[in-house]
Amino acid sequence: MQVARAVHNDEHLCCGQHKFEHVPEISYPGSQMNQTNSISSEIQARIISGNRCYYAYRKLMKSRALNKKLKVKNIIKV
């Protein structure tokens, strides 16, 4: 992936005898990068991830069977 202000539509990047495929966006562990170096897709991905986590544990956190201390301990681990 090439990162530049102007978007390049080349199909492959050649470096010596190696050809690399051009992709508009890549997911690297912990972050997303795109060819214009914009962080809007990264922010959107983090919001979606947070919502998934919240809705996955919603019933557990509203349960009266678990005390508050245990709930806080589990949130910190996640």
C-alpha atoms as a PDB file:
ATOM      1  CA  MET A   1       0.000   0.000   0.000  1.00  0.00           C
ATOM      2  CA  GLN A   2       1.312   3.411  -0.927  1.00  0.00           C
ATOM      3  CA  VAL A   3       0.497   6.292   1.390  1.00  0.00           C
ATOM      4  CA  ALA A   4       0.390   9.675  -0.314  1.00  0.00           C
ATOM      5  CA  ARG A   5      -1.767  12.783  -0.540  1.00  0.00           C
ATOM      6  CA  ALA A   6      -2.752  11.981  -4.107  1.00  0.00           C
ATOM      7  CA  VAL A   7      -4.331   8.591  -4.709  1.00  0.00           C
ATOM      8  CA  HIS A   8      -2.417   6.388  -7.152  1.00  0.00           C
ATOM      9  CA  ASN A   9      -4.363   3.801  -9.114  1.00  0.00           C
ATOM     10  CA  ASP A  10      -1.426   1.633 -10.113  1.00  0.00           C
ATOM     11  CA  GLU A  11      -2.233  -2.057 -10.015  1.00  0.00           C
ATOM     12  CA  HIS A  12       1.152  -3.249  -8.789  1.00  0.00           C
ATOM     13  CA  LEU A  13       4.175  -1.742  -7.095  1.00  0.00           C
ATOM     14  CA  CYS A  14       7.418  -3.101  -8.511  1.00  0.00           C
ATOM     15  CA  CYS A  15      10.563  -3.338  -6.434  1.00  0.00           C
ATOM     16  CA  GLY A  16      13.268  -5.140  -8.377  1.00  0.00           C
ATOM     17  CA  GLN A  17      11.834  -8.471  -9.490  1.00  0.00           C
ATOM     18  CA  HIS A  18       9.038  -8.433  -6.896  1.00  0.00           C
ATOM     19  CA  LYS A  19       5.512  -7.149  -7.595  1.00  0.00           C
ATOM     20  CA  PHE A  20       3.232  -6.034  -4.777  1.00  0.00           C
ATOM     21  CA  GLU A  21      -0.525  -5.772  -5.159  1.00  0.00           C
ATOM     22  CA  HIS A  22      -2.057  -2.327  -4.627  1.00  0.00           C
ATOM     23  CA  VAL A  23      -4.757  -2.264  -1.908  1.00  0.00           C
ATOM     24  CA  PRO A  24      -6.724   0.800  -0.784  1.00  0.00           C
ATOM     25  CA  GLU A  25      -6.932  -0.291   2.883  1.00  0.00           C
ATOM     26  CA  ILE A  26      -5.086  -2.705   5.155  1.00  0.00           C
ATOM     27  CA  SER A  27      -5.789  -3.987   8.659  1.00  0.00           C
ATOM     28  CA  TYR A  28      -2.620  -4.147  10.740  1.00  0.00           C
ATOM     29  CA  PRO A  29      -2.819  -5.633  14.271  1.00  0.00           C
ATOM     30  CA  GLY A  30      -4.515  -2.997  16.394  1.00  0.00           C
ATOM     31  CA  SER A  31      -5.147  -0.433  13.669  1.00  0.00           C
ATOM     32  CA  GLN A  32      -6.431   0.157  10.158  1.00  0.00           C
ATOM     33  CA  MET A  33      -4.498   2.102   7.569  1.00  0.00           C
ATOM     34  CA  ASN A  34      -5.638   3.459   4.225  1.00  0.00           C
ATOM     35  CA  GLN A  35      -3.853   5.017   1.287  1.00  0.00           C
ATOM     36  CA  THR A  36      -4.755   8.631   2.181  1.00  0.00           C
ATOM     37  CA  ASN A  37      -3.684   8.175   5.826  1.00  0.00           C
ATOM     38  CA  SER A  38      -7.155   9.117   7.064  1.00  0.00           C
ATOM     39  CA  ILE A  39      -8.145   8.005  10.566  1.00  0.00           C
ATOM     40  CA  SER A  40     -11.919   8.061  10.034  1.00  0.00           C
ATOM     41  CA  SER A  41     -12.037   4.333   9.203  1.00  0.00           C
ATOM     42  CA  GLU A  42      -9.928   3.587  12.317  1.00  0.00           C
ATOM     43  CA  ILE A  43     -12.304   5.561  14.535  1.00  0.00           C
ATOM     44  CA  GLN A  44     -15.354   3.854  13.018  1.00  0.00           C
ATOM     45  CA  ALA A  45     -13.796   0.397  13.534  1.00  0.00           C
ATOM     46  CA  ARG A  46     -13.080   1.169  17.200  1.00  0.00           C
ATOM     47  CA  ILE A  47     -16.637   2.414  17.769  1.00  0.00           C
ATOM     48  CA  ILE A  48     -18.040  -0.787  16.252  1.00  0.00           C
ATOM     49  CA  SER A  49     -15.680  -2.904  18.368  1.00  0.00           C
ATOM     50  CA  GLY A  50     -16.732  -1.085  21.541  1.00  0.00           C
ATOM     51  CA  ASN A  51     -20.417  -1.531  20.719  1.00  0.00           C
ATOM     52  CA  ARG A  52     -19.941  -5.254  20.110  1.00  0.00           C
ATOM     53  CA  CYS A  53     -18.195  -5.645  23.458  1.00  0.00           C
ATOM     54  CA  TYR A  54     -20.865  -3.646  25.292  1.00  0.00           C
ATOM     55  CA  TYR A  55     -23.779  -5.586  23.829  1.00  0.00           C
ATOM     56  CA  ALA A  56     -22.030  -8.934  24.366  1.00  0.00           C
ATOM     57  CA  TYR A  57     -21.703  -8.311  28.133  1.00  0.00           C
ATOM     58  CA  ARG A  58     -24.865  -6.233  28.656  1.00  0.00           C
ATOM     59  CA  LYS A  59     -26.904  -8.993  30.339  1.00  0.00           C
ATOM     60  CA  LEU A  60     -24.006  -9.950  32.581  1.00  0.00           C
ATOM     61  CA  MET A  61     -23.432  -6.379  33.744  1.00  0.00           C
ATOM     62  CA  LYS A  62     -27.126  -5.825  34.521  1.00  0.00           C
ATOM     63  CA  SER A  63     -27.389  -9.070  36.468  1.00  0.00           C
ATOM     64  CA  ARG A  64     -27.951  -8.728  40.202  1.00  0.00           C
ATOM     65  CA  ALA A  65     -26.427 -12.150  40.798  1.00  0.00           C
ATOM     66  CA  LEU A  66     -22.910 -10.692  40.481  1.00  0.00           C
ATOM     67  CA  ASN A  67     -21.630  -8.031  42.846  1.00  0.00           C
ATOM     68  CA  LYS A  68     -20.143  -4.725  41.673  1.00  0.00           C
ATOM     69  CA  LYS A  69     -16.580  -5.625  42.667  1.00  0.00           C
ATOM     70  CA  LEU A  70     -16.605  -8.710  40.439  1.00  0.00           C
ATOM     71  CA  LYS A  71     -18.112  -6.778  37.514  1.00  0.00           C
ATOM     72  CA  VAL A  72     -15.402  -4.107  37.684  1.00  0.00           C
ATOM     73  CA  LYS A  73     -12.713  -6.791  37.899  1.00  0.00           C
ATOM     74  CA  ASN A  74     -14.039  -8.443  34.705  1.00  0.00           C
ATOM     75  CA  ILE A  75     -14.252  -5.144  32.797  1.00  0.00           C
ATOM     76  CA  ILE A  76     -10.601  -4.359  33.542  1.00  0.00           C
ATOM     77  CA  LYS A  77      -9.507  -7.770  32.182  1.00  0.00           C
ATOM     78  CA  VAL A  78     -11.356  -7.257  28.866  1.00  0.00           C
END
